[in-house]
Amino acid sequence: MDWARVANGRLLAAAYAVGFVAWLVGVVLILVGQFAGGSIVGTVVGIGFFAVGQALISVVALAVRGSFQSSFSQAWQRLSMGLELSSAARALAVRRV
């Protein structure tokens, strides 16, 4: 995906990267809480990260669904699987003068 063609592309790419990392951290915290039999606090924090990550990914999918020439669900699936992380990282790495 070309984030430069999307309105506010760098902002959306940053939101996507943060959302994906938050989602991933949430999944890891939930799994650690489940397997380690630790306190419920870690699991609750994991659920919070997971929810924030999914909310950000959903907002970005809603904003960029036109760039995929597809529906919201197809855009959400591509973003949730991490298929657009490399292009988002490239969009964020480019310095604008």
PDB file of N, CA and C in Angstrom:
ATOM      1  N   MET A   1       0.837  -1.167   0.000  1.00  0.00           N
ATOM      2  CA  MET A   1       0.000   0.000   0.000  1.00  0.00           C
ATOM      3  C   MET A   1       0.886   1.235   0.000  1.00  0.00           C
ATOM      4  N   ASP A   2       0.450   2.247  -0.696  1.00  0.00           N
ATOM      5  CA  ASP A   2       1.180   3.505  -0.748  1.00  0.00           C
ATOM      6  C   ASP A   2       0.523   4.484   0.220  1.00  0.00           C
ATOM      7  N   TRP A   3       1.155   4.663   1.367  1.00  0.00           N
ATOM      8  CA  TRP A   3       0.593   5.528   2.396  1.00  0.00           C
ATOM      9  C   TRP A   3       0.607   6.994   1.957  1.00  0.00           C
ATOM     10  N   ALA A   4       1.450   7.344   1.000  1.00  0.00           N
ATOM     11  CA  ALA A   4       1.531   8.731   0.545  1.00  0.00           C
ATOM     12  C   ALA A   4       0.273   9.140  -0.225  1.00  0.00           C
ATOM     13  N   ARG A   5      -0.435   8.178  -0.801  1.00  0.00           N
ATOM     14  CA  ARG A   5      -1.649   8.493  -1.559  1.00  0.00           C
ATOM     15  C   ARG A   5      -2.859   8.698  -0.661  1.00  0.00           C
ATOM     16  N   VAL A   6      -2.733   8.355   0.598  1.00  0.00           N
ATOM     17  CA  VAL A   6      -3.845   8.468   1.541  1.00  0.00           C
ATOM     18  C   VAL A   6      -3.739   9.814   2.252  1.00  0.00           C
ATOM     19  N   ALA A   7      -4.873  10.468   2.449  1.00  0.00           N
ATOM     20  CA  ALA A   7      -4.861  11.712   3.216  1.00  0.00           C
ATOM     21  C   ALA A   7      -4.377  11.423   4.631  1.00  0.00           C
ATOM     22  N   ASN A   8      -3.457  12.232   5.113  1.00  0.00           N
ATOM     23  CA  ASN A   8      -2.830  12.027   6.432  1.00  0.00           C
ATOM     24  C   ASN A   8      -2.149  10.669   6.514  1.00  0.00           C
ATOM     25  N   GLY A   9      -1.469  10.287   5.462  1.00  0.00           N
ATOM     26  CA  GLY A   9      -0.869   8.960   5.369  1.00  0.00           C
ATOM     27  C   GLY A   9       0.148   8.661   6.445  1.00  0.00           C
ATOM     28  N   ARG A  10       1.026   9.638   6.745  1.00  0.00           N
ATOM     29  CA  ARG A  10       2.032   9.395   7.777  1.00  0.00           C
ATOM     30  C   ARG A  10       1.393   9.241   9.143  1.00  0.00           C
ATOM     31  N   LEU A  11       0.377  10.029   9.424  1.00  0.00           N
ATOM     32  CA  LEU A  11      -0.331   9.920  10.702  1.00  0.00           C
ATOM     33  C   LEU A  11      -1.019   8.565  10.816  1.00  0.00           C
ATOM     34  N   LEU A  12      -1.666   8.134   9.752  1.00  0.00           N
ATOM     35  CA  LEU A  12      -2.332   6.829   9.762  1.00  0.00           C
ATOM     36  C   LEU A  12      -1.324   5.690   9.850  1.00  0.00           C
ATOM     37  N   ALA A  13      -0.174   5.834   9.180  1.00  0.00           N
ATOM     38  CA  ALA A  13       0.865   4.804   9.264  1.00  0.00           C
ATOM     39  C   ALA A  13       1.399   4.710  10.685  1.00  0.00           C
ATOM     40  N   ALA A  14       1.580   5.850  11.346  1.00  0.00           N
ATOM     41  CA  ALA A  14       2.039   5.844  12.736  1.00  0.00           C
ATOM     42  C   ALA A  14       0.988   5.226  13.656  1.00  0.00           C
ATOM     43  N   ALA A  15      -0.274   5.573  13.444  1.00  0.00           N
ATOM     44  CA  ALA A  15      -1.351   4.999  14.253  1.00  0.00           C
ATOM     45  C   ALA A  15      -1.430   3.489  14.047  1.00  0.00           C
ATOM     46  N   TYR A  16      -1.233   3.061  12.809  1.00  0.00           N
ATOM     47  CA  TYR A  16      -1.252   1.626  12.517  1.00  0.00           C
ATOM     48  C   TYR A  16      -0.098   0.911  13.203  1.00  0.00           C
ATOM     49  N   ALA A  17       1.104   1.477  13.124  1.00  0.00           N
ATOM     50  CA  ALA A  17       2.265   0.840  13.751  1.00  0.00           C
ATOM     51  C   ALA A  17       2.086   0.762  15.264  1.00  0.00           C
ATOM     52  N   VAL A  18       1.632   1.842  15.878  1.00  0.00           N
ATOM     53  CA  VAL A  18       1.399   1.843  17.324  1.00  0.00           C
ATOM     54  C   VAL A  18       0.291   0.857  17.682  1.00  0.00           C
ATOM     55  N   GLY A  19      -0.782   0.850  16.904  1.00  0.00           N
ATOM     56  CA  GLY A  19      -1.888  -0.078  17.162  1.00  0.00           C
ATOM     57  C   GLY A  19      -1.476  -1.527  17.039  1.00  0.00           C
ATOM     58  N   PHE A  20      -0.665  -1.836  16.029  1.00  0.00           N
ATOM     59  CA  PHE A  20      -0.242  -3.226  15.850  1.00  0.00           C
ATOM     60  C   PHE A  20       0.662  -3.663  16.989  1.00  0.00           C
ATOM     61  N   VAL A  21       1.578  -2.794  17.399  1.00  0.00           N
ATOM     62  CA  VAL A  21       2.465  -3.137  18.518  1.00  0.00           C
ATOM     63  C   VAL A  21       1.659  -3.286  19.803  1.00  0.00           C
ATOM     64  N   ALA A  22       0.704  -2.397  20.054  1.00  0.00           N
ATOM     65  CA  ALA A  22      -0.140  -2.509  21.251  1.00  0.00           C
ATOM     66  C   ALA A  22      -0.936  -3.802  21.222  1.00  0.00           C
ATOM     67  N   TRP A  23      -1.478  -4.147  20.067  1.00  0.00           N
ATOM     68  CA  TRP A  23      -2.221  -5.393  19.922  1.00  0.00           C
ATOM     69  C   TRP A  23      -1.331  -6.605  20.228  1.00  0.00           C
ATOM     70  N   LEU A  24      -0.121  -6.583  19.695  1.00  0.00           N
ATOM     71  CA  LEU A  24       0.811  -7.695  19.900  1.00  0.00           C
ATOM     72  C   LEU A  24       1.237  -7.806  21.363  1.00  0.00           C
ATOM     73  N   VAL A  25       1.532  -6.675  21.995  1.00  0.00           N
ATOM     74  CA  VAL A  25       1.889  -6.684  23.412  1.00  0.00           C
ATOM     75  C   VAL A  25       0.714  -7.208  24.245  1.00  0.00           C
ATOM     76  N   GLY A  26      -0.487  -6.807  23.891  1.00  0.00           N
ATOM     77  CA  GLY A  26      -1.666  -7.296  24.609  1.00  0.00           C
ATOM     78  C   GLY A  26      -1.828  -8.797  24.496  1.00  0.00           C
ATOM     79  N   VAL A  27      -1.635  -9.338  23.307  1.00  0.00           N
ATOM     80  CA  VAL A  27      -1.736 -10.792  23.126  1.00  0.00           C
ATOM     81  C   VAL A  27      -0.683 -11.505  23.964  1.00  0.00           C
ATOM     82  N   VAL A  28       0.540 -10.992  23.943  1.00  0.00           N
ATOM     83  CA  VAL A  28       1.619 -11.632  24.716  1.00  0.00           C
ATOM     84  C   VAL A  28       1.318 -11.574  26.211  1.00  0.00           C
ATOM     85  N   LEU A  29       0.864 -10.426  26.704  1.00  0.00           N
ATOM     86  CA  LEU A  29       0.548 -10.309  28.127  1.00  0.00           C
ATOM     87  C   LEU A  29      -0.599 -11.235  28.533  1.00  0.00           C
ATOM     88  N   ILE A  30      -1.590 -11.342  27.686  1.00  0.00           N
ATOM     89  CA  ILE A  30      -2.704 -12.252  27.986  1.00  0.00           C
ATOM     90  C   ILE A  30      -2.224 -13.692  28.035  1.00  0.00           C
ATOM     91  N   LEU A  31      -1.412 -14.083  27.056  1.00  0.00           N
ATOM     92  CA  LEU A  31      -0.908 -15.464  27.039  1.00  0.00           C
ATOM     93  C   LEU A  31       0.006 -15.747  28.217  1.00  0.00           C
ATOM     94  N   VAL A  32       0.858 -14.808  28.576  1.00  0.00           N
ATOM     95  CA  VAL A  32       1.727 -15.001  29.740  1.00  0.00           C
ATOM     96  C   VAL A  32       0.881 -15.138  30.992  1.00  0.00           C
ATOM     97  N   GLY A  33      -0.131 -14.310  31.113  1.00  0.00           N
ATOM     98  CA  GLY A  33      -1.024 -14.410  32.267  1.00  0.00           C
ATOM     99  C   GLY A  33      -1.753 -15.742  32.323  1.00  0.00           C
ATOM    100  N   GLN A  34      -2.123 -16.275  31.181  1.00  0.00           N
ATOM    101  CA  GLN A  34      -2.828 -17.554  31.141  1.00  0.00           C
ATOM    102  C   GLN A  34      -1.903 -18.732  31.456  1.00  0.00           C
ATOM    103  N   PHE A  35      -0.715 -18.722  30.857  1.00  0.00           N
ATOM    104  CA  PHE A  35       0.192 -19.857  31.016  1.00  0.00           C
ATOM    105  C   PHE A  35       0.951 -19.833  32.337  1.00  0.00           C
ATOM    106  N   ALA A  36       1.255 -18.644  32.840  1.00  0.00           N
ATOM    107  CA  ALA A  36       2.040 -18.548  34.067  1.00  0.00           C
ATOM    108  C   ALA A  36       1.157 -18.648  35.301  1.00  0.00           C
ATOM    109  N   GLY A  37      -0.113 -18.506  35.123  1.00  0.00           N
ATOM    110  CA  GLY A  37      -1.011 -18.575  36.265  1.00  0.00           C
ATOM    111  C   GLY A  37      -0.762 -17.440  37.239  1.00  0.00           C
ATOM    112  N   GLY A  38      -0.285 -16.325  36.705  1.00  0.00           N
ATOM    113  CA  GLY A  38       0.050 -15.172  37.536  1.00  0.00           C
ATOM    114  C   GLY A  38      -1.177 -14.392  37.957  1.00  0.00           C
ATOM    115  N   SER A  39      -0.923 -13.185  38.354  1.00  0.00           N
ATOM    116  CA  SER A  39      -2.015 -12.350  38.837  1.00  0.00           C
ATOM    117  C   SER A  39      -2.920 -11.920  37.684  1.00  0.00           C
ATOM    118  N   ILE A  40      -4.082 -11.515  38.041  1.00  0.00           N
ATOM    119  CA  ILE A  40      -5.065 -11.080  37.058  1.00  0.00           C
ATOM    120  C   ILE A  40      -4.699  -9.711  36.490  1.00  0.00           C
ATOM    121  N   VAL A  41      -3.841  -8.974  37.191  1.00  0.00           N
ATOM    122  CA  VAL A  41      -3.476  -7.628  36.762  1.00  0.00           C
ATOM    123  C   VAL A  41      -2.811  -7.655  35.386  1.00  0.00           C
ATOM    124  N   GLY A  42      -1.895  -8.581  35.163  1.00  0.00           N
ATOM    125  CA  GLY A  42      -1.227  -8.691  33.869  1.00  0.00           C
ATOM    126  C   GLY A  42      -2.187  -8.991  32.744  1.00  0.00           C
ATOM    127  N   THR A  43      -3.164  -9.835  33.031  1.00  0.00           N
ATOM    128  CA  THR A  43      -4.159 -10.167  32.021  1.00  0.00           C
ATOM    129  C   THR A  43      -5.052  -8.970  31.708  1.00  0.00           C
ATOM    130  N   VAL A  44      -5.429  -8.231  32.734  1.00  0.00           N
ATOM    131  CA  VAL A  44      -6.274  -7.047  32.528  1.00  0.00           C
ATOM    132  C   VAL A  44      -5.510  -5.991  31.732  1.00  0.00           C
ATOM    133  N   VAL A  45      -4.236  -5.798  32.056  1.00  0.00           N
ATOM    134  CA  VAL A  45      -3.417  -4.851  31.300  1.00  0.00           C
ATOM    135  C   VAL A  45      -3.297  -5.321  29.849  1.00  0.00           C
ATOM    136  N   GLY A  46      -3.113  -6.627  29.661  1.00  0.00           N
ATOM    137  CA  GLY A  46      -3.046  -7.189  28.314  1.00  0.00           C
ATOM    138  C   GLY A  46      -4.324  -6.960  27.534  1.00  0.00           C
ATOM    139  N   ILE A  47      -5.450  -7.129  28.191  1.00  0.00           N
ATOM    140  CA  ILE A  47      -6.733  -6.882  27.532  1.00  0.00           C
ATOM    141  C   ILE A  47      -6.851  -5.411  27.134  1.00  0.00           C
ATOM    142  N   GLY A  48      -6.360  -4.520  27.995  1.00  0.00           N
ATOM    143  CA  GLY A  48      -6.374  -3.091  27.666  1.00  0.00           C
ATOM    144  C   GLY A  48      -5.534  -2.788  26.435  1.00  0.00           C
ATOM    145  N   PHE A  49      -4.301  -3.319  26.394  1.00  0.00           N
ATOM    146  CA  PHE A  49      -3.443  -3.127  25.222  1.00  0.00           C
ATOM    147  C   PHE A  49      -4.091  -3.710  23.972  1.00  0.00           C
ATOM    148  N   PHE A  50      -4.653  -4.904  24.103  1.00  0.00           N
ATOM    149  CA  PHE A  50      -5.307  -5.559  22.973  1.00  0.00           C
ATOM    150  C   PHE A  50      -6.455  -4.698  22.440  1.00  0.00           C
ATOM    151  N   ALA A  51      -7.279  -4.178  23.344  1.00  0.00           N
ATOM    152  CA  ALA A  51      -8.437  -3.377  22.938  1.00  0.00           C
ATOM    153  C   ALA A  51      -8.000  -2.077  22.263  1.00  0.00           C
ATOM    154  N   VAL A  52      -6.999  -1.413  22.823  1.00  0.00           N
ATOM    155  CA  VAL A  52      -6.507  -0.166  22.221  1.00  0.00           C
ATOM    156  C   VAL A  52      -5.913  -0.456  20.843  1.00  0.00           C
ATOM    157  N   GLY A  53      -5.144  -1.535  20.735  1.00  0.00           N
ATOM    158  CA  GLY A  53      -4.557  -1.897  19.449  1.00  0.00           C
ATOM    159  C   GLY A  53      -5.606  -2.195  18.402  1.00  0.00           C
ATOM    160  N   GLN A  54      -6.612  -2.952  18.766  1.00  0.00           N
ATOM    161  CA  GLN A  54      -7.667  -3.271  17.806  1.00  0.00           C
ATOM    162  C   GLN A  54      -8.477  -2.035  17.433  1.00  0.00           C
ATOM    163  N   ALA A  55      -8.684  -1.137  18.387  1.00  0.00           N
ATOM    164  CA  ALA A  55      -9.411   0.099  18.074  1.00  0.00           C
ATOM    165  C   ALA A  55      -8.624   0.938  17.069  1.00  0.00           C
ATOM    166  N   LEU A  56      -7.316   1.064  17.280  1.00  0.00           N
ATOM    167  CA  LEU A  56      -6.500   1.832  16.339  1.00  0.00           C
ATOM    168  C   LEU A  56      -6.476   1.176  14.965  1.00  0.00           C
ATOM    169  N   ILE A  57      -6.320  -0.134  14.916  1.00  0.00           N
ATOM    170  CA  ILE A  57      -6.305  -0.833  13.635  1.00  0.00           C
ATOM    171  C   ILE A  57      -7.646  -0.667  12.919  1.00  0.00           C
ATOM    172  N   SER A  58      -8.732  -0.716  13.664  1.00  0.00           N
ATOM    173  CA  SER A  58     -10.058  -0.554  13.062  1.00  0.00           C
ATOM    174  C   SER A  58     -10.250   0.848  12.501  1.00  0.00           C
ATOM    175  N   VAL A  59      -9.788   1.857  13.228  1.00  0.00           N
ATOM    176  CA  VAL A  59      -9.904   3.237  12.743  1.00  0.00           C
ATOM    177  C   VAL A  59      -9.079   3.424  11.477  1.00  0.00           C
ATOM    178  N   VAL A  60      -7.860   2.881  11.467  1.00  0.00           N
ATOM    179  CA  VAL A  60      -7.015   3.002  10.271  1.00  0.00           C
ATOM    180  C   VAL A  60      -7.645   2.246   9.101  1.00  0.00           C
ATOM    181  N   ALA A  61      -8.194   1.062   9.353  1.00  0.00           N
ATOM    182  CA  ALA A  61      -8.835   0.293   8.280  1.00  0.00           C
ATOM    183  C   ALA A  61     -10.021   1.056   7.706  1.00  0.00           C
ATOM    184  N   LEU A  62     -10.754   1.717   8.555  1.00  0.00           N
ATOM    185  CA  LEU A  62     -11.892   2.511   8.088  1.00  0.00           C
ATOM    186  C   LEU A  62     -11.417   3.686   7.231  1.00  0.00           C
ATOM    187  N   ALA A  63     -10.293   4.276   7.608  1.00  0.00           N
ATOM    188  CA  ALA A  63      -9.782   5.437   6.878  1.00  0.00           C
ATOM    189  C   ALA A  63      -9.141   5.062   5.544  1.00  0.00           C
ATOM    190  N   VAL A  64      -8.532   3.886   5.454  1.00  0.00           N
ATOM    191  CA  VAL A  64      -7.782   3.536   4.237  1.00  0.00           C
ATOM    192  C   VAL A  64      -8.485   2.503   3.364  1.00  0.00           C
ATOM    193  N   ARG A  65      -9.707   2.165   3.679  1.00  0.00           N
ATOM    194  CA  ARG A  65     -10.378   1.098   2.925  1.00  0.00           C
ATOM    195  C   ARG A  65     -10.474   1.415   1.440  1.00  0.00           C
ATOM    196  N   GLY A  66     -10.523   2.678   1.081  1.00  0.00           N
ATOM    197  CA  GLY A  66     -10.569   3.064  -0.326  1.00  0.00           C
ATOM    198  C   GLY A  66      -9.261   2.782  -1.043  1.00  0.00           C
ATOM    199  N   SER A  67      -8.157   2.825  -0.329  1.00  0.00           N
ATOM    200  CA  SER A  67      -6.854   2.558  -0.946  1.00  0.00           C
ATOM    201  C   SER A  67      -6.693   1.097  -1.325  1.00  0.00           C
ATOM    202  N   PHE A  68      -7.423   0.228  -0.650  1.00  0.00           N
ATOM    203  CA  PHE A  68      -7.374  -1.194  -0.968  1.00  0.00           C
ATOM    204  C   PHE A  68      -8.385  -1.555  -2.050  1.00  0.00           C
ATOM    205  N   GLN A  69      -9.233  -0.609  -2.442  1.00  0.00           N
ATOM    206  CA  GLN A  69     -10.343  -0.872  -3.346  1.00  0.00           C
ATOM    207  C   GLN A  69     -11.134  -2.095  -2.884  1.00  0.00           C
ATOM    208  N   SER A  70     -11.411  -2.088  -1.590  1.00  0.00           N
ATOM    209  CA  SER A  70     -12.106  -3.225  -1.001  1.00  0.00           C
ATOM    210  C   SER A  70     -12.966  -2.732   0.154  1.00  0.00           C
ATOM    211  N   SER A  71     -13.557  -3.679   0.817  1.00  0.00           N
ATOM    212  CA  SER A  71     -14.419  -3.347   1.943  1.00  0.00           C
ATOM    213  C   SER A  71     -13.588  -3.127   3.209  1.00  0.00           C
ATOM    214  N   PHE A  72     -14.273  -2.655   4.243  1.00  0.00           N
ATOM    215  CA  PHE A  72     -13.623  -2.445   5.537  1.00  0.00           C
ATOM    216  C   PHE A  72     -13.042  -3.749   6.066  1.00  0.00           C
ATOM    217  N   SER A  73     -13.779  -4.846   5.932  1.00  0.00           N
ATOM    218  CA  SER A  73     -13.310  -6.116   6.508  1.00  0.00           C
ATOM    219  C   SER A  73     -12.038  -6.607   5.828  1.00  0.00           C
ATOM    220  N   GLN A  74     -11.922  -6.411   4.527  1.00  0.00           N
ATOM    221  CA  GLN A  74     -10.694  -6.831   3.845  1.00  0.00           C
ATOM    222  C   GLN A  74      -9.518  -5.947   4.248  1.00  0.00           C
ATOM    223  N   ALA A  75      -9.751  -4.657   4.384  1.00  0.00           N
ATOM    224  CA  ALA A  75      -8.690  -3.752   4.843  1.00  0.00           C
ATOM    225  C   ALA A  75      -8.282  -4.109   6.267  1.00  0.00           C
ATOM    226  N   TRP A  76      -9.260  -4.369   7.132  1.00  0.00           N
ATOM    227  CA  TRP A  76      -8.970  -4.736   8.521  1.00  0.00           C
ATOM    228  C   TRP A  76      -8.164  -6.031   8.594  1.00  0.00           C
ATOM    229  N   GLN A  77      -8.518  -7.003   7.770  1.00  0.00           N
ATOM    230  CA  GLN A  77      -7.786  -8.273   7.776  1.00  0.00           C
ATOM    231  C   GLN A  77      -6.341  -8.076   7.360  1.00  0.00           C
ATOM    232  N   ARG A  78      -6.089  -7.298   6.316  1.00  0.00           N
ATOM    233  CA  ARG A  78      -4.707  -7.054   5.879  1.00  0.00           C
ATOM    234  C   ARG A  78      -3.912  -6.333   6.965  1.00  0.00           C
ATOM    235  N   LEU A  79      -4.546  -5.359   7.607  1.00  0.00           N
ATOM    236  CA  LEU A  79      -3.852  -4.619   8.658  1.00  0.00           C
ATOM    237  C   LEU A  79      -3.634  -5.480   9.900  1.00  0.00           C
ATOM    238  N   SER A  80      -4.606  -6.264  10.285  1.00  0.00           N
ATOM    239  CA  SER A  80      -4.488  -7.098  11.480  1.00  0.00           C
ATOM    240  C   SER A  80      -3.454  -8.204  11.326  1.00  0.00           C
ATOM    241  N   MET A  81      -3.268  -8.675  10.101  1.00  0.00           N
ATOM    242  CA  MET A  81      -2.251  -9.708   9.872  1.00  0.00           C
ATOM    243  C   MET A  81      -0.853  -9.123   9.772  1.00  0.00           C
ATOM    244  N   GLY A  82      -0.743  -7.812   9.735  1.00  0.00           N
ATOM    245  CA  GLY A  82       0.565  -7.179   9.665  1.00  0.00           C
ATOM    246  C   GLY A  82       1.130  -7.093   8.266  1.00  0.00           C
ATOM    247  N   LEU A  83       0.297  -7.267   7.258  1.00  0.00           N
ATOM    248  CA  LEU A  83       0.782  -7.259   5.886  1.00  0.00           C
ATOM    249  C   LEU A  83       1.220  -5.875   5.418  1.00  0.00           C
ATOM    250  N   GLU A  84       0.797  -4.837   6.101  1.00  0.00           N
ATOM    251  CA  GLU A  84       1.150  -3.478   5.694  1.00  0.00           C
ATOM    252  C   GLU A  84       2.171  -2.834   6.619  1.00  0.00           C
ATOM    253  N   LEU A  85       2.772  -3.611   7.530  1.00  0.00           N
ATOM    254  CA  LEU A  85       3.747  -3.038   8.456  1.00  0.00           C
ATOM    255  C   LEU A  85       4.991  -2.520   7.750  1.00  0.00           C
ATOM    256  N   SER A  86       5.475  -3.264   6.767  1.00  0.00           N
ATOM    257  CA  SER A  86       6.700  -2.825   6.091  1.00  0.00           C
ATOM    258  C   SER A  86       6.470  -1.527   5.327  1.00  0.00           C
ATOM    259  N   SER A  87       5.330  -1.413   4.665  1.00  0.00           N
ATOM    260  CA  SER A  87       5.062  -0.173   3.934  1.00  0.00           C
ATOM    261  C   SER A  87       4.816   0.987   4.902  1.00  0.00           C
ATOM    262  N   ALA A  88       4.213   0.711   6.053  1.00  0.00           N
ATOM    263  CA  ALA A  88       4.020   1.769   7.056  1.00  0.00           C
ATOM    264  C   ALA A  88       5.362   2.215   7.624  1.00  0.00           C
ATOM    265  N   ALA A  89       6.259   1.272   7.865  1.00  0.00           N
ATOM    266  CA  ALA A  89       7.589   1.618   8.369  1.00  0.00           C
ATOM    267  C   ALA A  89       8.358   2.452   7.345  1.00  0.00           C
ATOM    268  N   ARG A  90       8.239   2.092   6.071  1.00  0.00           N
ATOM    269  CA  ARG A  90       8.888   2.886   5.021  1.00  0.00           C
ATOM    270  C   ARG A  90       8.305   4.302   4.973  1.00  0.00           C
ATOM    271  N   ALA A  91       7.004   4.414   5.113  1.00  0.00           N
ATOM    272  CA  ALA A  91       6.355   5.736   5.091  1.00  0.00           C
ATOM    273  C   ALA A  91       6.818   6.579   6.268  1.00  0.00           C
ATOM    274  N   LEU A  92       7.042   5.960   7.410  1.00  0.00           N
ATOM    275  CA  LEU A  92       7.488   6.695   8.573  1.00  0.00           C
ATOM    276  C   LEU A  92       8.969   7.033   8.508  1.00  0.00           C
ATOM    277  N   ALA A  93       9.744   6.215   7.793  1.00  0.00           N
ATOM    278  CA  ALA A  93      11.192   6.433   7.730  1.00  0.00           C
ATOM    279  C   ALA A  93      11.568   7.551   6.763  1.00  0.00           C
ATOM    280  N   VAL A  94      10.693   7.863   5.822  1.00  0.00           N
ATOM    281  CA  VAL A  94      10.988   8.909   4.830  1.00  0.00           C
ATOM    282  C   VAL A  94      10.914  10.264   5.511  1.00  0.00           C
ATOM    283  N   ARG A  95      11.989  11.032   5.367  1.00  0.00           N
ATOM    284  CA  ARG A  95      12.005  12.380   5.941  1.00  0.00           C
ATOM    285  C   ARG A  95      11.422  13.354   4.942  1.00  0.00           C
ATOM    286  N   ARG A  96      10.482  14.138   5.430  1.00  0.00           N
ATOM    287  CA  ARG A  96       9.886  15.172   4.587  1.00  0.00           C
ATOM    288  C   ARG A  96      10.490  16.502   4.959  1.00  0.00           C
ATOM    289  N   VAL A  97      10.857  17.254   3.960  1.00  0.00           N
ATOM    290  CA  VAL A  97      11.491  18.563   4.197  1.00  0.00           C
ATOM    291  C   VAL A  97      10.485  19.661   3.995  1.00  0.00           C
TER     292      VAL A  97
END
